[in-house]
Amino acid sequence: MKLFVAGEDSPNPDNWSKWSEWSLIIAQTAEEASRLDGLNRPCVEVSMEKATVIVTMQEPAWGSDL
């Protein structure tokens, strides 16, 4: 299995826009990743050769943050 990103055309996470909408998909091929994404966006394989943070999930607003 390999890691793919759908919705970006660069395999380098450093080049991904923080404003774009993309999906991380684990699949055997780019074609399978594209089929799983279902949105007809480009799918490229993300290199697993170097350590990197791909995404950090923000805590949802709650309480006095609303």
C-alpha atoms as a PDB file:
ATOM      1  CA  MET A   1       0.000   0.000   0.000  1.00  0.00           C
ATOM      2  CA  LYS A   2       1.081   3.569  -0.675  1.00  0.00           C
ATOM      3  CA  LEU A   3       0.054   7.025   0.506  1.00  0.00           C
ATOM      4  CA  PHE A   4      -1.596   9.312  -2.065  1.00  0.00           C
ATOM      5  CA  VAL A   5      -2.943  12.841  -1.948  1.00  0.00           C
ATOM      6  CA  ALA A   6      -6.004  13.731  -4.010  1.00  0.00           C
ATOM      7  CA  GLY A   7      -6.614  17.368  -4.862  1.00  0.00           C
ATOM      8  CA  GLU A   8      -2.967  18.445  -5.125  1.00  0.00           C
ATOM      9  CA  ASP A   9      -0.608  17.971  -8.056  1.00  0.00           C
ATOM     10  CA  SER A  10       2.614  17.906  -6.020  1.00  0.00           C
ATOM     11  CA  PRO A  11       3.737  14.870  -4.005  1.00  0.00           C
ATOM     12  CA  ASN A  12       5.567  17.219  -1.602  1.00  0.00           C
ATOM     13  CA  PRO A  13       3.409  18.248   1.411  1.00  0.00           C
ATOM     14  CA  ASP A  14       5.454  21.465   1.707  1.00  0.00           C
ATOM     15  CA  ASN A  15       3.903  22.598  -1.601  1.00  0.00           C
ATOM     16  CA  TRP A  16       0.278  21.987  -0.607  1.00  0.00           C
ATOM     17  CA  SER A  17      -1.863  25.045   0.012  1.00  0.00           C
ATOM     18  CA  LYS A  18      -3.328  25.293   3.487  1.00  0.00           C
ATOM     19  CA  TRP A  19      -6.416  26.733   1.790  1.00  0.00           C
ATOM     20  CA  SER A  20      -7.041  23.885  -0.655  1.00  0.00           C
ATOM     21  CA  GLU A  21      -9.185  20.847   0.026  1.00  0.00           C
ATOM     22  CA  TRP A  22      -7.327  17.550  -0.324  1.00  0.00           C
ATOM     23  CA  SER A  23      -7.677  13.974   0.845  1.00  0.00           C
ATOM     24  CA  LEU A  24      -5.044  11.515   2.043  1.00  0.00           C
ATOM     25  CA  ILE A  25      -5.704   8.040   0.685  1.00  0.00           C
ATOM     26  CA  ILE A  26      -3.986   4.705   1.269  1.00  0.00           C
ATOM     27  CA  ALA A  27      -4.194   2.557  -1.854  1.00  0.00           C
ATOM     28  CA  GLN A  28      -2.111   0.350  -4.126  1.00  0.00           C
ATOM     29  CA  THR A  29      -2.236   2.596  -7.205  1.00  0.00           C
ATOM     30  CA  ALA A  30      -3.060   6.195  -8.152  1.00  0.00           C
ATOM     31  CA  GLU A  31      -6.039   4.878 -10.129  1.00  0.00           C
ATOM     32  CA  GLU A  32      -7.420   3.124  -7.054  1.00  0.00           C
ATOM     33  CA  ALA A  33      -6.814   6.273  -4.967  1.00  0.00           C
ATOM     34  CA  SER A  34      -8.674   8.362  -7.543  1.00  0.00           C
ATOM     35  CA  ARG A  35     -11.576   5.907  -7.546  1.00  0.00           C
ATOM     36  CA  LEU A  36     -11.717   5.979  -3.729  1.00  0.00           C
ATOM     37  CA  ASP A  37     -11.641   9.794  -3.741  1.00  0.00           C
ATOM     38  CA  GLY A  38     -14.565   9.854  -6.169  1.00  0.00           C
ATOM     39  CA  LEU A  39     -14.137  13.542  -7.051  1.00  0.00           C
ATOM     40  CA  ASN A  40     -12.045  13.201 -10.248  1.00  0.00           C
ATOM     41  CA  ARG A  41      -9.137  15.167  -8.733  1.00  0.00           C
ATOM     42  CA  PRO A  42      -5.466  14.538  -9.468  1.00  0.00           C
ATOM     43  CA  CYS A  43      -3.896  11.872  -7.228  1.00  0.00           C
ATOM     44  CA  VAL A  44      -0.153  11.733  -6.659  1.00  0.00           C
ATOM     45  CA  GLU A  45       1.936   9.412  -4.507  1.00  0.00           C
ATOM     46  CA  VAL A  46       3.413  11.007  -1.394  1.00  0.00           C
ATOM     47  CA  SER A  47       6.998  10.016  -0.693  1.00  0.00           C
ATOM     48  CA  MET A  48       7.453   8.094   2.538  1.00  0.00           C
ATOM     49  CA  GLU A  49      11.257   8.563   2.462  1.00  0.00           C
ATOM     50  CA  LYS A  50      11.460  11.491   4.890  1.00  0.00           C
ATOM     51  CA  ALA A  51       9.707  12.281   8.131  1.00  0.00           C
ATOM     52  CA  THR A  52       7.218  15.126   7.861  1.00  0.00           C
ATOM     53  CA  VAL A  53       4.004  16.393   9.439  1.00  0.00           C
ATOM     54  CA  ILE A  54       1.306  16.332   6.802  1.00  0.00           C
ATOM     55  CA  VAL A  55      -1.612  17.803   8.735  1.00  0.00           C
ATOM     56  CA  THR A  56      -2.415  18.948  12.253  1.00  0.00           C
ATOM     57  CA  MET A  57      -6.053  18.818  13.225  1.00  0.00           C
ATOM     58  CA  GLN A  58      -7.350  21.893  15.016  1.00  0.00           C
ATOM     59  CA  GLU A  59      -9.531  21.528  18.090  1.00  0.00           C
ATOM     60  CA  PRO A  60     -13.112  22.485  17.215  1.00  0.00           C
ATOM     61  CA  ALA A  61     -14.460  25.718  18.690  1.00  0.00           C
ATOM     62  CA  TRP A  62     -16.542  25.189  21.815  1.00  0.00           C
ATOM     63  CA  GLY A  63     -17.711  27.069  24.883  1.00  0.00           C
ATOM     64  CA  SER A  64     -16.458  30.675  24.997  1.00  0.00           C
ATOM     65  CA  ASP A  65     -14.624  30.151  21.648  1.00  0.00           C
ATOM     66  CA  LEU A  66     -17.950  30.278  19.767  1.00  0.00           C
END
